[in-house]
């Protein structure tokens, strides 16, 4: 569900110590997911949409994509012309899309929980020292 995906994204941002830009772009990407019944969690928002929702410049949005891809939180699914869009069948149903795959965020949710626990333990150790 979107709630589970959102929780996984928040944990990933916390575990990796993401800055505000990439964190807000990831949050908006998760909010764009329409809970399709596909095996992959694909979203295809435009840069203009993300700029209006996050208040970031286009350069900052592109930087956030680069950070999220480097951290392996999202996987780009490129179209031949470089645009992000949904692919529909003759009946008008969305069957596929070109954009970003959010599956790694959800698939690695156990890793995020472990990292957060490790960070809390390290913080407690620093407090005691």
C-alpha atoms as a PDB file:
ATOM      1  CA  UNK A   1       0.000   0.000   0.000  1.00  0.00           C
ATOM      2  CA  UNK A   2       1.011   3.620  -0.294  1.00  0.00           C
ATOM      3  CA  UNK A   3       1.196   3.814   3.499  1.00  0.00           C
ATOM      4  CA  UNK A   4       3.768   0.989   3.631  1.00  0.00           C
ATOM      5  CA  UNK A   5       5.754   2.493   0.747  1.00  0.00           C
ATOM      6  CA  UNK A   6       5.726   5.894   2.440  1.00  0.00           C
ATOM      7  CA  UNK A   7       6.951   4.397   5.720  1.00  0.00           C
ATOM      8  CA  UNK A   8       9.756   2.580   3.889  1.00  0.00           C
ATOM      9  CA  UNK A   9      10.760   5.830   2.145  1.00  0.00           C
ATOM     10  CA  UNK A  10      10.847   7.735   5.452  1.00  0.00           C
ATOM     11  CA  UNK A  11      12.983   5.021   7.036  1.00  0.00           C
ATOM     12  CA  UNK A  12      15.327   4.996   4.023  1.00  0.00           C
ATOM     13  CA  UNK A  13      15.734   8.782   4.184  1.00  0.00           C
ATOM     14  CA  UNK A  14      16.464   8.580   7.901  1.00  0.00           C
ATOM     15  CA  UNK A  15      18.852   5.630   7.599  1.00  0.00           C
ATOM     16  CA  UNK A  16      20.811   7.215   4.762  1.00  0.00           C
ATOM     17  CA  UNK A  17      20.720  10.733   6.199  1.00  0.00           C
ATOM     18  CA  UNK A  18      19.259  12.247   3.047  1.00  0.00           C
ATOM     19  CA  UNK A  19      19.244  16.013   2.802  1.00  0.00           C
ATOM     20  CA  UNK A  20      16.018  17.979   2.376  1.00  0.00           C
ATOM     21  CA  UNK A  21      16.008  18.089  -1.449  1.00  0.00           C
ATOM     22  CA  UNK A  22      16.336  14.373  -2.162  1.00  0.00           C
ATOM     23  CA  UNK A  23      14.094  13.591   0.819  1.00  0.00           C
ATOM     24  CA  UNK A  24      11.254  15.789  -0.447  1.00  0.00           C
ATOM     25  CA  UNK A  25      11.611  14.506  -4.036  1.00  0.00           C
ATOM     26  CA  UNK A  26      11.465  10.904  -2.766  1.00  0.00           C
ATOM     27  CA  UNK A  27       8.398  11.771  -0.718  1.00  0.00           C
ATOM     28  CA  UNK A  28       6.661  13.251  -3.765  1.00  0.00           C
ATOM     29  CA  UNK A  29       7.584  10.270  -5.930  1.00  0.00           C
ATOM     30  CA  UNK A  30       5.992   7.984  -3.343  1.00  0.00           C
ATOM     31  CA  UNK A  31       2.902  10.231  -3.243  1.00  0.00           C
ATOM     32  CA  UNK A  32       2.574   9.885  -7.037  1.00  0.00           C
ATOM     33  CA  UNK A  33       2.321   6.108  -6.913  1.00  0.00           C
ATOM     34  CA  UNK A  34      -1.218   5.060  -7.804  1.00  0.00           C
ATOM     35  CA  UNK A  35      -1.161   1.633  -6.132  1.00  0.00           C
ATOM     36  CA  UNK A  36      -1.220  -0.186  -9.462  1.00  0.00           C
ATOM     37  CA  UNK A  37      -1.194  -3.954  -9.295  1.00  0.00           C
ATOM     38  CA  UNK A  38       2.072  -4.291 -11.204  1.00  0.00           C
ATOM     39  CA  UNK A  39       5.146  -6.157 -10.053  1.00  0.00           C
ATOM     40  CA  UNK A  40       7.127  -2.890 -10.132  1.00  0.00           C
ATOM     41  CA  UNK A  41       6.276   0.386  -8.384  1.00  0.00           C
ATOM     42  CA  UNK A  42       6.486   2.815 -11.316  1.00  0.00           C
ATOM     43  CA  UNK A  43       5.858   6.566 -11.185  1.00  0.00           C
ATOM     44  CA  UNK A  44       6.222   9.127 -13.953  1.00  0.00           C
ATOM     45  CA  UNK A  45       5.786  12.701 -12.632  1.00  0.00           C
ATOM     46  CA  UNK A  46       7.254  15.557 -14.656  1.00  0.00           C
ATOM     47  CA  UNK A  47      10.025  17.776 -13.373  1.00  0.00           C
ATOM     48  CA  UNK A  48       7.578  20.730 -13.473  1.00  0.00           C
ATOM     49  CA  UNK A  49       5.162  18.865 -11.199  1.00  0.00           C
ATOM     50  CA  UNK A  50       7.935  17.971  -8.763  1.00  0.00           C
ATOM     51  CA  UNK A  51       9.236  21.551  -8.810  1.00  0.00           C
ATOM     52  CA  UNK A  52       5.794  22.906  -7.950  1.00  0.00           C
ATOM     53  CA  UNK A  53       5.218  20.348  -5.179  1.00  0.00           C
ATOM     54  CA  UNK A  54       8.650  20.587  -3.527  1.00  0.00           C
ATOM     55  CA  UNK A  55       9.534  24.232  -4.145  1.00  0.00           C
ATOM     56  CA  UNK A  56      12.904  23.190  -5.556  1.00  0.00           C
ATOM     57  CA  UNK A  57      14.512  24.455  -8.751  1.00  0.00           C
ATOM     58  CA  UNK A  58      14.825  22.138 -11.754  1.00  0.00           C
ATOM     59  CA  UNK A  59      18.531  21.830 -11.085  1.00  0.00           C
ATOM     60  CA  UNK A  60      17.825  20.749  -7.493  1.00  0.00           C
ATOM     61  CA  UNK A  61      15.261  18.182  -8.665  1.00  0.00           C
ATOM     62  CA  UNK A  62      17.779  16.718 -11.121  1.00  0.00           C
ATOM     63  CA  UNK A  63      20.421  16.635  -8.373  1.00  0.00           C
ATOM     64  CA  UNK A  64      17.936  14.845  -6.107  1.00  0.00           C
ATOM     65  CA  UNK A  65      17.333  12.229  -8.820  1.00  0.00           C
ATOM     66  CA  UNK A  66      21.079  11.698  -9.110  1.00  0.00           C
ATOM     67  CA  UNK A  67      21.419  11.225  -5.328  1.00  0.00           C
ATOM     68  CA  UNK A  68      18.444   8.843  -5.162  1.00  0.00           C
ATOM     69  CA  UNK A  69      19.808   6.774  -8.051  1.00  0.00           C
ATOM     70  CA  UNK A  70      23.320   6.676  -6.528  1.00  0.00           C
ATOM     71  CA  UNK A  71      21.834   5.519  -3.204  1.00  0.00           C
ATOM     72  CA  UNK A  72      19.912   2.832  -5.159  1.00  0.00           C
ATOM     73  CA  UNK A  73      16.551   4.040  -3.865  1.00  0.00           C
ATOM     74  CA  UNK A  74      15.071   4.505  -7.321  1.00  0.00           C
ATOM     75  CA  UNK A  75      15.827   2.993 -10.713  1.00  0.00           C
ATOM     76  CA  UNK A  76      15.198   5.051 -13.839  1.00  0.00           C
ATOM     77  CA  UNK A  77      13.213   3.362 -16.588  1.00  0.00           C
ATOM     78  CA  UNK A  78      14.135   5.416 -19.625  1.00  0.00           C
ATOM     79  CA  UNK A  79      11.897   5.901 -22.628  1.00  0.00           C
ATOM     80  CA  UNK A  80      13.411   6.187 -26.117  1.00  0.00           C
ATOM     81  CA  UNK A  81      12.847   9.965 -26.150  1.00  0.00           C
ATOM     82  CA  UNK A  82      13.879  10.525 -22.518  1.00  0.00           C
ATOM     83  CA  UNK A  83      10.408  11.543 -21.340  1.00  0.00           C
ATOM     84  CA  UNK A  84       8.373  10.041 -18.494  1.00  0.00           C
ATOM     85  CA  UNK A  85       4.891   8.801 -19.407  1.00  0.00           C
ATOM     86  CA  UNK A  86       2.382   5.985 -19.042  1.00  0.00           C
ATOM     87  CA  UNK A  87       1.791   3.402 -21.773  1.00  0.00           C
ATOM     88  CA  UNK A  88      -1.892   2.638 -22.335  1.00  0.00           C
ATOM     89  CA  UNK A  89      -3.621  -0.179 -24.180  1.00  0.00           C
ATOM     90  CA  UNK A  90      -6.462   0.272 -26.681  1.00  0.00           C
ATOM     91  CA  UNK A  91      -9.042   0.370 -23.875  1.00  0.00           C
ATOM     92  CA  UNK A  92      -7.191   3.250 -22.214  1.00  0.00           C
ATOM     93  CA  UNK A  93      -5.897   1.205 -19.278  1.00  0.00           C
ATOM     94  CA  UNK A  94      -2.340   1.901 -18.132  1.00  0.00           C
ATOM     95  CA  UNK A  95      -0.252  -1.211 -18.745  1.00  0.00           C
ATOM     96  CA  UNK A  96       3.295   0.120 -18.304  1.00  0.00           C
ATOM     97  CA  UNK A  97       5.173   3.354 -17.765  1.00  0.00           C
ATOM     98  CA  UNK A  98       8.482   5.077 -18.302  1.00  0.00           C
ATOM     99  CA  UNK A  99       9.752   6.969 -15.293  1.00  0.00           C
ATOM    100  CA  UNK A 100      11.155   5.807 -11.972  1.00  0.00           C
ATOM    101  CA  UNK A 101      10.891   2.442 -10.271  1.00  0.00           C
ATOM    102  CA  UNK A 102      10.416   2.738  -6.482  1.00  0.00           C
ATOM    103  CA  UNK A 103      10.649  -1.013  -5.868  1.00  0.00           C
ATOM    104  CA  UNK A 104      14.151  -0.813  -4.255  1.00  0.00           C
ATOM    105  CA  UNK A 105      12.857   1.511  -1.503  1.00  0.00           C
ATOM    106  CA  UNK A 106      10.237  -1.031  -0.462  1.00  0.00           C
ATOM    107  CA  UNK A 107      12.336  -4.141  -1.107  1.00  0.00           C
ATOM    108  CA  UNK A 108      15.143  -2.926   1.173  1.00  0.00           C
ATOM    109  CA  UNK A 109      12.897  -1.872   4.092  1.00  0.00           C
ATOM    110  CA  UNK A 110      14.505  -4.421   6.420  1.00  0.00           C
ATOM    111  CA  UNK A 111      17.906  -2.897   5.710  1.00  0.00           C
ATOM    112  CA  UNK A 112      16.602   0.570   6.648  1.00  0.00           C
ATOM    113  CA  UNK A 113      15.310  -0.696   9.997  1.00  0.00           C
ATOM    114  CA  UNK A 114      18.668  -2.339  10.763  1.00  0.00           C
ATOM    115  CA  UNK A 115      20.596   0.831   9.915  1.00  0.00           C
ATOM    116  CA  UNK A 116      18.340   2.967  12.112  1.00  0.00           C
ATOM    117  CA  UNK A 117      18.871   0.558  15.039  1.00  0.00           C
ATOM    118  CA  UNK A 118      22.644   0.674  14.479  1.00  0.00           C
ATOM    119  CA  UNK A 119      22.556   4.481  14.408  1.00  0.00           C
ATOM    120  CA  UNK A 120      20.581   4.598  17.660  1.00  0.00           C
ATOM    121  CA  UNK A 121      23.034   2.199  19.320  1.00  0.00           C
ATOM    122  CA  UNK A 122      25.993   4.305  18.168  1.00  0.00           C
ATOM    123  CA  UNK A 123      24.262   7.442  19.461  1.00  0.00           C
ATOM    124  CA  UNK A 124      23.683   5.796  22.861  1.00  0.00           C
ATOM    125  CA  UNK A 125      27.341   4.729  22.974  1.00  0.00           C
ATOM    126  CA  UNK A 126      28.431   8.320  22.250  1.00  0.00           C
ATOM    127  CA  UNK A 127      26.163   9.604  25.034  1.00  0.00           C
ATOM    128  CA  UNK A 128      27.701   7.191  27.531  1.00  0.00           C
ATOM    129  CA  UNK A 129      31.286   8.049  26.532  1.00  0.00           C
END
